[in-house]
C-alpha atoms as a PDB file:
ATOM      1  CA  MET A   1      64.164 -47.947   9.927  1.00  0.00           C
ATOM      2  CA  CYS A   2      66.113 -49.192   7.102  1.00  0.00           C
ATOM      3  CA  LEU A   3      67.433 -46.934   4.401  1.00  0.00           C
ATOM      4  CA  PRO A   4      67.538 -47.939   0.805  1.00  0.00           C
ATOM      5  CA  GLU A   5      71.118 -47.691   0.655  1.00  0.00           C
ATOM      6  CA  THR A   6      71.633 -49.765   3.763  1.00  0.00           C
ATOM      7  CA  LEU A   7      69.810 -52.626   2.422  1.00  0.00           C
ATOM      8  CA  ALA A   8      71.355 -52.323  -0.880  1.00  0.00           C
ATOM      9  CA  SER A   9      74.748 -52.550   0.645  1.00  0.00           C
ATOM     10  CA  ALA A  10      73.485 -55.725   3.058  1.00  0.00           C
ATOM     11  CA  GLN A  11      72.336 -57.330  -0.120  1.00  0.00           C
ATOM     12  CA  SER A  12      75.837 -56.983  -1.802  1.00  0.00           C
ATOM     13  CA  THR A  13      77.235 -59.318   0.782  1.00  0.00           C
ATOM     14  CA  ILE A  14      74.556 -61.569   1.725  1.00  0.00           C
ATOM     15  CA  SER A  15      72.098 -63.306  -0.474  1.00  0.00           C
ATOM     16  CA  ARG A  16      68.443 -62.861  -0.112  1.00  0.00           C
ATOM     17  CA  ARG A  17      67.737 -66.372   0.813  1.00  0.00           C
ATOM     18  CA  ASP A  18      70.312 -66.264   3.524  1.00  0.00           C
ATOM     19  CA  LEU A  19      68.951 -62.895   4.415  1.00  0.00           C
ATOM     20  CA  PHE A  20      65.283 -64.226   5.311  1.00  0.00           C
ATOM     21  CA  LYS A  21      66.814 -67.434   6.553  1.00  0.00           C
ATOM     22  CA  ALA A  22      68.813 -65.458   9.290  1.00  0.00           C
ATOM     23  CA  THR A  23      65.888 -63.254   9.990  1.00  0.00           C
ATOM     24  CA  ALA A  24      63.508 -66.230  10.484  1.00  0.00           C
ATOM     25  CA  VAL A  25      66.037 -67.908  12.687  1.00  0.00           C
ATOM     26  CA  ALA A  26      66.455 -64.858  14.683  1.00  0.00           C
ATOM     27  CA  ALA A  27      62.507 -64.209  15.422  1.00  0.00           C
ATOM     28  CA  VAL A  28      62.007 -67.748  16.246  1.00  0.00           C
ATOM     29  CA  ALA A  29      64.829 -67.322  18.968  1.00  0.00           C
ATOM     30  CA  ALA A  30      63.464 -64.109  20.206  1.00  0.00           C
ATOM     31  CA  ALA A  31      59.825 -65.521  20.410  1.00  0.00           C
ATOM     32  CA  ALA A  32      57.922 -66.148  23.809  1.00  0.00           C
ATOM     33  CA  PRO A  33      56.975 -69.711  24.033  1.00  0.00           C
ATOM     34  CA  SER A  34      53.508 -70.441  22.622  1.00  0.00           C
ATOM     35  CA  ALA A  35      50.799 -73.096  23.245  1.00  0.00           C
ATOM     36  CA  ILE A  36      50.516 -73.252  19.611  1.00  0.00           C
ATOM     37  CA  GLU A  37      53.497 -74.941  17.810  1.00  0.00           C
ATOM     38  CA  ALA A  38      55.139 -72.395  15.486  1.00  0.00           C
ATOM     39  CA  ALA A  39      55.737 -73.206  11.606  1.00  0.00           C
ATOM     40  CA  PRO A  40      58.799 -74.750  10.783  1.00  0.00           C
ATOM     41  CA  GLU A  41      61.709 -72.818   9.932  1.00  0.00           C
ATOM     42  CA  ARG A  42      61.918 -72.334   6.287  1.00  0.00           C
ATOM     43  CA  ALA A  43      63.616 -70.025   3.704  1.00  0.00           C
ATOM     44  CA  LEU A  44      61.295 -67.482   1.943  1.00  0.00           C
ATOM     45  CA  ARG A  45      61.556 -67.615  -1.792  1.00  0.00           C
ATOM     46  CA  TYR A  46      59.103 -65.345  -3.801  1.00  0.00           C
ATOM     47  CA  ARG A  47      58.915 -63.642  -7.214  1.00  0.00           C
ATOM     48  CA  SER A  48      56.336 -61.048  -6.328  1.00  0.00           C
ATOM     49  CA  VAL A  49      54.810 -58.996  -3.473  1.00  0.00           C
ATOM     50  CA  ILE A  50      51.066 -57.932  -3.163  1.00  0.00           C
ATOM     51  CA  ASP A  51      50.286 -55.308  -0.691  1.00  0.00           C
ATOM     52  CA  LEU A  52      46.815 -56.385   0.986  1.00  0.00           C
ATOM     53  CA  THR A  53      46.611 -53.197   2.732  1.00  0.00           C
ATOM     54  CA  HIS A  54      43.967 -50.138   2.252  1.00  0.00           C
ATOM     55  CA  VAL A  55      45.190 -46.840   2.576  1.00  0.00           C
ATOM     56  CA  LEU A  56      44.220 -45.136   5.882  1.00  0.00           C
ATOM     57  CA  GLY A  57      42.464 -41.706   5.292  1.00  0.00           C
ATOM     58  CA  THR A  58      40.004 -39.470   6.685  1.00  0.00           C
ATOM     59  CA  GLN A  59      37.251 -41.265   4.643  1.00  0.00           C
ATOM     60  CA  THR A  60      38.192 -44.751   5.708  1.00  0.00           C
ATOM     61  CA  PRO A  61      34.887 -46.654   6.400  1.00  0.00           C
ATOM     62  CA  LEU A  62      34.818 -47.513  10.175  1.00  0.00           C
ATOM     63  CA  PHE A  63      32.795 -49.534  12.630  1.00  0.00           C
ATOM     64  CA  PRO A  64      29.586 -47.508  13.949  1.00  0.00           C
ATOM     65  CA  GLY A  65      30.739 -45.555  16.942  1.00  0.00           C
ATOM     66  CA  TYR A  66      34.568 -45.034  15.977  1.00  0.00           C
ATOM     67  CA  ASN A  67      35.685 -41.233  15.653  1.00  0.00           C
ATOM     68  CA  GLN A  68      36.511 -40.843  12.008  1.00  0.00           C
ATOM     69  CA  VAL A  69      40.272 -40.857  11.158  1.00  0.00           C
ATOM     70  CA  GLN A  70      42.143 -37.352  11.432  1.00  0.00           C
ATOM     71  CA  ILE A  71      44.974 -36.466   9.547  1.00  0.00           C
ATOM     72  CA  SER A  72      46.429 -32.971  10.164  1.00  0.00           C
ATOM     73  CA  VAL A  73      49.785 -31.349   9.137  1.00  0.00           C
ATOM     74  CA  ASN A  74      52.050 -30.754  12.665  1.00  0.00           C
ATOM     75  CA  ARG A  75      55.134 -29.669  10.897  1.00  0.00           C
ATOM     76  CA  SER A  76      55.530 -27.927   7.214  1.00  0.00           C
ATOM     77  CA  TYR A  77      58.717 -27.439   4.951  1.00  0.00           C
ATOM     78  CA  GLN A  78      57.692 -23.478   4.727  1.00  0.00           C
ATOM     79  CA  GLN A  79      57.707 -22.920   8.420  1.00  0.00           C
ATOM     80  CA  ASP A  80      59.811 -25.744   9.962  1.00  0.00           C
ATOM     81  CA  GLY A  81      61.926 -26.903   7.120  1.00  0.00           C
ATOM     82  CA  TYR A  82      60.658 -30.659   7.541  1.00  0.00           C
ATOM     83  CA  TYR A  83      57.390 -32.202   7.112  1.00  0.00           C
ATOM     84  CA  ALA A  84      55.235 -34.228   9.648  1.00  0.00           C
ATOM     85  CA  ASN A  85      51.532 -35.231  10.212  1.00  0.00           C
ATOM     86  CA  GLN A  86      49.554 -35.632  13.163  1.00  0.00           C
ATOM     87  CA  LEU A  87      47.246 -38.552  13.487  1.00  0.00           C
ATOM     88  CA  ASN A  88      44.464 -39.434  15.525  1.00  0.00           C
ATOM     89  CA  PHE A  89      42.606 -42.802  15.064  1.00  0.00           C
ATOM     90  CA  ASN A  90      41.177 -45.655  16.862  1.00  0.00           C
ATOM     91  CA  GLU A  91      43.275 -48.619  17.017  1.00  0.00           C
ATOM     92  CA  HIS A  92      40.661 -50.566  15.130  1.00  0.00           C
ATOM     93  CA  SER A  93      40.747 -48.349  12.024  1.00  0.00           C
ATOM     94  CA  GLY A  94      41.372 -49.455   8.316  1.00  0.00           C
ATOM     95  CA  THR A  95      43.208 -52.755   7.763  1.00  0.00           C
ATOM     96  CA  HIS A  96      44.280 -53.507  11.098  1.00  0.00           C
ATOM     97  CA  ILE A  97      44.933 -56.387  13.886  1.00  0.00           C
ATOM     98  CA  ASP A  98      42.779 -57.495  16.640  1.00  0.00           C
ATOM     99  CA  SER A  99      45.086 -58.890  19.478  1.00  0.00           C
ATOM    100  CA  PRO A 100      43.508 -61.456  21.884  1.00  0.00           C
ATOM    101  CA  ARG A 101      43.633 -58.531  24.454  1.00  0.00           C
ATOM    102  CA  HIS A 102      40.764 -56.625  22.384  1.00  0.00           C
ATOM    103  CA  PHE A 103      38.132 -59.320  23.856  1.00  0.00           C
ATOM    104  CA  ASP A 104      40.279 -60.997  26.625  1.00  0.00           C
ATOM    105  CA  PRO A 105      41.144 -58.779  29.432  1.00  0.00           C
ATOM    106  CA  ASP A 106      44.082 -61.863  30.155  1.00  0.00           C
ATOM    107  CA  GLY A 107      44.814 -61.594  26.599  1.00  0.00           C
ATOM    108  CA  VAL A 108      48.239 -60.694  25.048  1.00  0.00           C
ATOM    109  CA  SER A 109      48.434 -56.981  23.744  1.00  0.00           C
ATOM    110  CA  VAL A 110      49.743 -56.261  20.367  1.00  0.00           C
ATOM    111  CA  ASP A 111      53.013 -55.353  21.551  1.00  0.00           C
ATOM    112  CA  GLN A 112      53.344 -59.013  23.205  1.00  0.00           C
ATOM    113  CA  ILE A 113      52.701 -61.136  19.984  1.00  0.00           C
ATOM    114  CA  PRO A 114      56.042 -62.714  19.246  1.00  0.00           C
ATOM    115  CA  PRO A 115      57.377 -61.877  15.847  1.00  0.00           C
ATOM    116  CA  SER A 116      57.284 -65.585  14.743  1.00  0.00           C
ATOM    117  CA  ARG A 117      53.506 -65.246  15.057  1.00  0.00           C
ATOM    118  CA  LEU A 118      53.266 -62.791  12.462  1.00  0.00           C
ATOM    119  CA  ILE A 119      54.545 -64.752   9.493  1.00  0.00           C
ATOM    120  CA  GLY A 120      52.819 -67.678   8.177  1.00  0.00           C
ATOM    121  CA  PRO A 121      51.490 -69.729   5.135  1.00  0.00           C
ATOM    122  CA  LEU A 122      48.500 -67.920   3.583  1.00  0.00           C
ATOM    123  CA  ALA A 123      45.076 -69.571   2.806  1.00  0.00           C
ATOM    124  CA  VAL A 124      42.202 -67.649   0.805  1.00  0.00           C
ATOM    125  CA  ILE A 125      38.749 -68.811   1.521  1.00  0.00           C
ATOM    126  CA  ASP A 126      36.668 -67.573  -1.581  1.00  0.00           C
ATOM    127  CA  VAL A 127      33.194 -66.687  -0.787  1.00  0.00           C
ATOM    128  CA  ARG A 128      32.446 -64.049  -3.299  1.00  0.00           C
ATOM    129  CA  GLU A 129      29.824 -65.805  -5.474  1.00  0.00           C
ATOM    130  CA  ARG A 130      27.654 -66.744  -2.213  1.00  0.00           C
ATOM    131  CA  ALA A 131      28.311 -63.065  -0.717  1.00  0.00           C
ATOM    132  CA  GLY A 132      27.101 -61.553  -3.957  1.00  0.00           C
ATOM    133  CA  ARG A 133      23.776 -63.130  -3.303  1.00  0.00           C
ATOM    134  CA  ASP A 134      23.726 -63.170   0.402  1.00  0.00           C
ATOM    135  CA  PRO A 135      25.714 -60.428   2.411  1.00  0.00           C
ATOM    136  CA  ASP A 136      25.061 -62.093   5.696  1.00  0.00           C
ATOM    137  CA  THR A 137      27.013 -65.217   4.435  1.00  0.00           C
ATOM    138  CA  LEU A 138      29.290 -66.930   6.642  1.00  0.00           C
ATOM    139  CA  VAL A 139      32.507 -68.927   6.203  1.00  0.00           C
ATOM    140  CA  THR A 140      31.511 -72.331   7.596  1.00  0.00           C
ATOM    141  CA  PRO A 141      33.357 -75.775   8.245  1.00  0.00           C
ATOM    142  CA  ASP A 142      32.113 -76.903   5.013  1.00  0.00           C
ATOM    143  CA  ASP A 143      33.934 -73.862   3.390  1.00  0.00           C
ATOM    144  CA  LEU A 144      37.283 -75.185   5.140  1.00  0.00           C
ATOM    145  CA  ARG A 145      36.800 -78.867   4.041  1.00  0.00           C
ATOM    146  CA  ALA A 146      36.312 -77.718   0.504  1.00  0.00           C
ATOM    147  CA  TRP A 147      39.533 -75.802   0.428  1.00  0.00           C
ATOM    148  CA  GLU A 148      41.246 -78.652   2.057  1.00  0.00           C
ATOM    149  CA  ARG A 149      40.174 -81.182  -0.368  1.00  0.00           C
ATOM    150  CA  ARG A 150      41.327 -78.880  -3.277  1.00  0.00           C
ATOM    151  CA  TYR A 151      44.554 -77.674  -1.937  1.00  0.00           C
ATOM    152  CA  GLY A 152      45.440 -80.161   1.077  1.00  0.00           C
ATOM    153  CA  ARG A 153      45.255 -79.691   4.866  1.00  0.00           C
ATOM    154  CA  ILE A 154      45.702 -75.910   6.075  1.00  0.00           C
ATOM    155  CA  PRO A 155      49.401 -75.619   6.959  1.00  0.00           C
ATOM    156  CA  ASN A 156      50.716 -75.265  10.356  1.00  0.00           C
ATOM    157  CA  GLY A 157      51.194 -71.760  11.571  1.00  0.00           C
ATOM    158  CA  ALA A 158      48.626 -70.789   8.767  1.00  0.00           C
ATOM    159  CA  VAL A 159      46.753 -67.399   8.521  1.00  0.00           C
ATOM    160  CA  VAL A 160      43.397 -68.150   6.770  1.00  0.00           C
ATOM    161  CA  ILE A 161      41.311 -65.267   5.425  1.00  0.00           C
ATOM    162  CA  MET A 162      37.969 -64.724   3.728  1.00  0.00           C
ATOM    163  CA  ASN A 163      37.776 -63.217   0.408  1.00  0.00           C
ATOM    164  CA  SER A 164      34.098 -62.126   0.182  1.00  0.00           C
ATOM    165  CA  GLY A 165      34.896 -59.384  -2.781  1.00  0.00           C
ATOM    166  CA  TRP A 166      34.045 -56.681   0.143  1.00  0.00           C
ATOM    167  CA  ALA A 167      36.919 -54.550  -0.384  1.00  0.00           C
ATOM    168  CA  THR A 168      35.540 -53.367  -3.800  1.00  0.00           C
ATOM    169  CA  ARG A 169      33.449 -51.559  -1.942  1.00  0.00           C
ATOM    170  CA  ILE A 170      35.935 -49.514   0.276  1.00  0.00           C
ATOM    171  CA  ASN A 171      35.370 -46.220  -1.516  1.00  0.00           C
ATOM    172  CA  ASN A 172      31.745 -45.940  -0.437  1.00  0.00           C
ATOM    173  CA  ALA A 173      31.281 -45.779   3.277  1.00  0.00           C
ATOM    174  CA  GLN A 174      27.635 -46.591   2.692  1.00  0.00           C
ATOM    175  CA  ALA A 175      28.270 -49.848   0.653  1.00  0.00           C
ATOM    176  CA  PHE A 176      30.791 -51.101   2.845  1.00  0.00           C
ATOM    177  CA  LEU A 177      28.942 -50.926   6.100  1.00  0.00           C
ATOM    178  CA  ASN A 178      25.415 -51.831   4.061  1.00  0.00           C
ATOM    179  CA  ALA A 179      23.157 -50.758   6.941  1.00  0.00           C
ATOM    180  CA  ASP A 180      19.332 -51.613   6.567  1.00  0.00           C
ATOM    181  CA  SER A 181      16.797 -48.831   7.367  1.00  0.00           C
ATOM    182  CA  GLY A 182      16.862 -49.986  11.096  1.00  0.00           C
ATOM    183  CA  GLY A 183      20.649 -49.497  11.099  1.00  0.00           C
ATOM    184  CA  THR A 184      21.696 -53.321  11.062  1.00  0.00           C
ATOM    185  CA  LEU A 185      24.957 -53.802   9.102  1.00  0.00           C
ATOM    186  CA  HIS A 186      25.095 -56.579   6.549  1.00  0.00           C
ATOM    187  CA  PHE A 187      28.472 -58.189   5.533  1.00  0.00           C
ATOM    188  CA  PRO A 188      30.080 -61.445   5.627  1.00  0.00           C
ATOM    189  CA  GLY A 189      31.768 -62.925   8.311  1.00  0.00           C
ATOM    190  CA  TRP A 190      33.162 -65.946  10.018  1.00  0.00           C
ATOM    191  CA  SER A 191      30.809 -68.663  11.561  1.00  0.00           C
ATOM    192  CA  LYS A 192      31.707 -69.772  15.078  1.00  0.00           C
ATOM    193  CA  ALA A 193      31.713 -73.413  13.986  1.00  0.00           C
ATOM    194  CA  ALA A 194      34.335 -72.688  11.391  1.00  0.00           C
ATOM    195  CA  THR A 195      36.624 -70.845  13.868  1.00  0.00           C
ATOM    196  CA  ASP A 196      36.161 -73.836  16.514  1.00  0.00           C
ATOM    197  CA  LEU A 197      37.175 -76.105  13.867  1.00  0.00           C
ATOM    198  CA  LEU A 198      40.308 -74.031  13.471  1.00  0.00           C
ATOM    199  CA  ILE A 199      41.019 -73.994  17.311  1.00  0.00           C
ATOM    200  CA  ASN A 200      40.533 -77.249  18.108  1.00  0.00           C
ATOM    201  CA  GLU A 201      41.588 -79.319  14.858  1.00  0.00           C
ATOM    202  CA  ARG A 202      44.028 -77.087  12.944  1.00  0.00           C
ATOM    203  CA  ASN A 203      47.362 -75.078  13.922  1.00  0.00           C
ATOM    204  CA  VAL A 204      46.440 -71.980  12.928  1.00  0.00           C
ATOM    205  CA  ILE A 205      47.867 -68.283  14.511  1.00  0.00           C
ATOM    206  CA  GLY A 206      45.231 -66.108  12.712  1.00  0.00           C
ATOM    207  CA  ILE A 207      42.306 -65.650  10.665  1.00  0.00           C
ATOM    208  CA  GLY A 208      41.134 -62.442   8.578  1.00  0.00           C
ATOM    209  CA  VAL A 209      38.485 -60.776   6.753  1.00  0.00           C
ATOM    210  CA  ASP A 210      37.999 -58.241   4.040  1.00  0.00           C
ATOM    211  CA  THR A 211      35.207 -56.501   5.980  1.00  0.00           C
ATOM    212  CA  LEU A 212      34.686 -54.164   8.995  1.00  0.00           C
ATOM    213  CA  SER A 213      34.221 -57.414  11.500  1.00  0.00           C
ATOM    214  CA  LEU A 214      35.505 -61.228  11.942  1.00  0.00           C
ATOM    215  CA  ASP A 215      31.781 -61.670  12.891  1.00  0.00           C
ATOM    216  CA  PHE A 216      29.121 -61.013  10.301  1.00  0.00           C
ATOM    217  CA  GLY A 217      27.701 -57.698  10.157  1.00  0.00           C
ATOM    218  CA  ALA A 218      24.112 -58.478  11.545  1.00  0.00           C
ATOM    219  CA  SER A 219      25.738 -60.354  14.827  1.00  0.00           C
ATOM    220  CA  THR A 220      24.754 -59.225  18.157  1.00  0.00           C
ATOM    221  CA  ASP A 221      26.786 -61.530  20.407  1.00  0.00           C
ATOM    222  CA  PHE A 222      30.039 -61.141  18.537  1.00  0.00           C
ATOM    223  CA  ALA A 223      30.995 -65.196  19.094  1.00  0.00           C
ATOM    224  CA  VAL A 224      33.812 -65.311  16.795  1.00  0.00           C
ATOM    225  CA  HIS A 225      35.442 -62.168  18.603  1.00  0.00           C
ATOM    226  CA  TYR A 226      34.836 -63.778  22.225  1.00  0.00           C
ATOM    227  CA  SER A 227      35.828 -67.238  21.397  1.00  0.00           C
ATOM    228  CA  TRP A 228      38.785 -66.813  18.791  1.00  0.00           C
ATOM    229  CA  LEU A 229      40.777 -64.005  20.482  1.00  0.00           C
ATOM    230  CA  PRO A 230      40.649 -65.396  23.925  1.00  0.00           C
ATOM    231  CA  SER A 231      42.057 -68.654  22.498  1.00  0.00           C
ATOM    232  CA  GLY A 232      45.515 -66.610  22.218  1.00  0.00           C
ATOM    233  CA  ARG A 233      45.249 -65.873  18.115  1.00  0.00           C
ATOM    234  CA  TRP A 234      44.778 -62.560  16.541  1.00  0.00           C
ATOM    235  CA  GLY A 235      42.492 -61.282  13.830  1.00  0.00           C
ATOM    236  CA  LEU A 236      42.775 -59.221  10.733  1.00  0.00           C
ATOM    237  CA  GLU A 237      40.068 -56.833   9.639  1.00  0.00           C
ATOM    238  CA  ASN A 238      39.589 -54.681   6.167  1.00  0.00           C
ATOM    239  CA  VAL A 239      42.004 -56.862   3.874  1.00  0.00           C
ATOM    240  CA  ALA A 240      42.494 -55.541   0.540  1.00  0.00           C
ATOM    241  CA  ASN A 241      43.536 -57.058  -2.578  1.00  0.00           C
ATOM    242  CA  LEU A 242      42.644 -60.947  -2.070  1.00  0.00           C
ATOM    243  CA  ALA A 243      41.720 -61.187  -5.661  1.00  0.00           C
ATOM    244  CA  ASP A 244      45.345 -60.801  -6.672  1.00  0.00           C
ATOM    245  CA  VAL A 245      46.857 -63.655  -4.655  1.00  0.00           C
ATOM    246  CA  PRO A 246      46.581 -67.293  -4.880  1.00  0.00           C
ATOM    247  CA  PRO A 247      44.193 -69.367  -2.687  1.00  0.00           C
ATOM    248  CA  HIS A 248      47.381 -71.314  -1.320  1.00  0.00           C
ATOM    249  CA  GLY A 249      50.964 -70.887  -1.469  1.00  0.00           C
ATOM    250  CA  ALA A 250      51.692 -67.562  -0.552  1.00  0.00           C
ATOM    251  CA  THR A 251      53.120 -66.264   2.854  1.00  0.00           C
ATOM    252  CA  LEU A 252      51.720 -63.445   4.683  1.00  0.00           C
ATOM    253  CA  MET A 253      53.718 -60.857   6.660  1.00  0.00           C
ATOM    254  CA  VAL A 254      51.876 -58.909   9.200  1.00  0.00           C
ATOM    255  CA  GLY A 255      53.601 -55.573  10.166  1.00  0.00           C
ATOM    256  CA  ALA A 256      51.849 -55.322  13.267  1.00  0.00           C
ATOM    257  CA  PRO A 257      52.337 -51.944  15.314  1.00  0.00           C
ATOM    258  CA  LYS A 258      53.910 -52.432  18.785  1.00  0.00           C
ATOM    259  CA  HIS A 259      52.581 -49.721  21.074  1.00  0.00           C
ATOM    260  CA  TYR A 260      52.283 -50.543  25.001  1.00  0.00           C
ATOM    261  CA  GLY A 261      49.404 -52.482  25.817  1.00  0.00           C
ATOM    262  CA  GLY A 262      47.454 -52.100  22.299  1.00  0.00           C
ATOM    263  CA  SER A 263      44.323 -54.109  21.483  1.00  0.00           C
ATOM    264  CA  GLY A 264      45.221 -53.933  17.937  1.00  0.00           C
ATOM    265  CA  GLY A 265      46.108 -51.098  15.407  1.00  0.00           C
ATOM    266  CA  PRO A 266      46.739 -50.480  11.697  1.00  0.00           C
ATOM    267  CA  VAL A 267      48.968 -53.068   9.903  1.00  0.00           C
ATOM    268  CA  ARG A 268      50.720 -53.246   6.482  1.00  0.00           C
ATOM    269  CA  LEU A 269      49.887 -56.841   5.261  1.00  0.00           C
ATOM    270  CA  LEU A 270      52.222 -58.019   2.473  1.00  0.00           C
ATOM    271  CA  ALA A 271      51.696 -61.479   0.738  1.00  0.00           C
ATOM    272  CA  LEU A 272      54.798 -62.953  -0.790  1.00  0.00           C
ATOM    273  CA  ILE A 273      54.260 -65.034  -3.918  1.00  0.00           C
END
């Protein structure tokens, strides 16, 4: 925990640029070796911070089969002199990370992800117009190539996230899941062809979506989960506020949980612009 007065004191003796540079160097030094080359060390300069995290609450839409989030008062000011809640939820609730362990028994758990692999350039793939016409739309290799024609090659160590506009439905669970009369879900996701391109031809540490799943809602084989996560990379689901960040140029910081053996968990996502 870093108290405001502690941070203020630190900032009085060290510049923000030097602080972030020192933090980045320490993170890289502490990180375990990885098959994917980490992004080069660089000072983080930014003018604003955008929160890409939905509030986690008892009405948060969840993938079918998960128990609803429970939050209850465990300690109260009146009886105990201080306030604390008891939380009960599945790891994959709200805005969260999927670690490789989620779909690979030999994959790293969330507590084993090196800190240097939780910070990277953000690339946002905008498919909102297509998703408005077809809720089953997929991010394709053509979408990635179109992004690169406009903004250049996807940077090393990047996190590539789909913006389908689905986050605007977060306060309506029925609309967010978008199930048909037979119970099949309909929302956008990644195609395996696109994630295969990122695995084989780009140096990317993570992907993300603003929907419930990396795979599109009607998927029955979860091909993206079964190929992307076992490659040693992670995924983000239920990302918020992507319309507030540029398609390129931002840096994403993933505040991942660190509980033992975790297959994932709720995160705080911050985009530095």
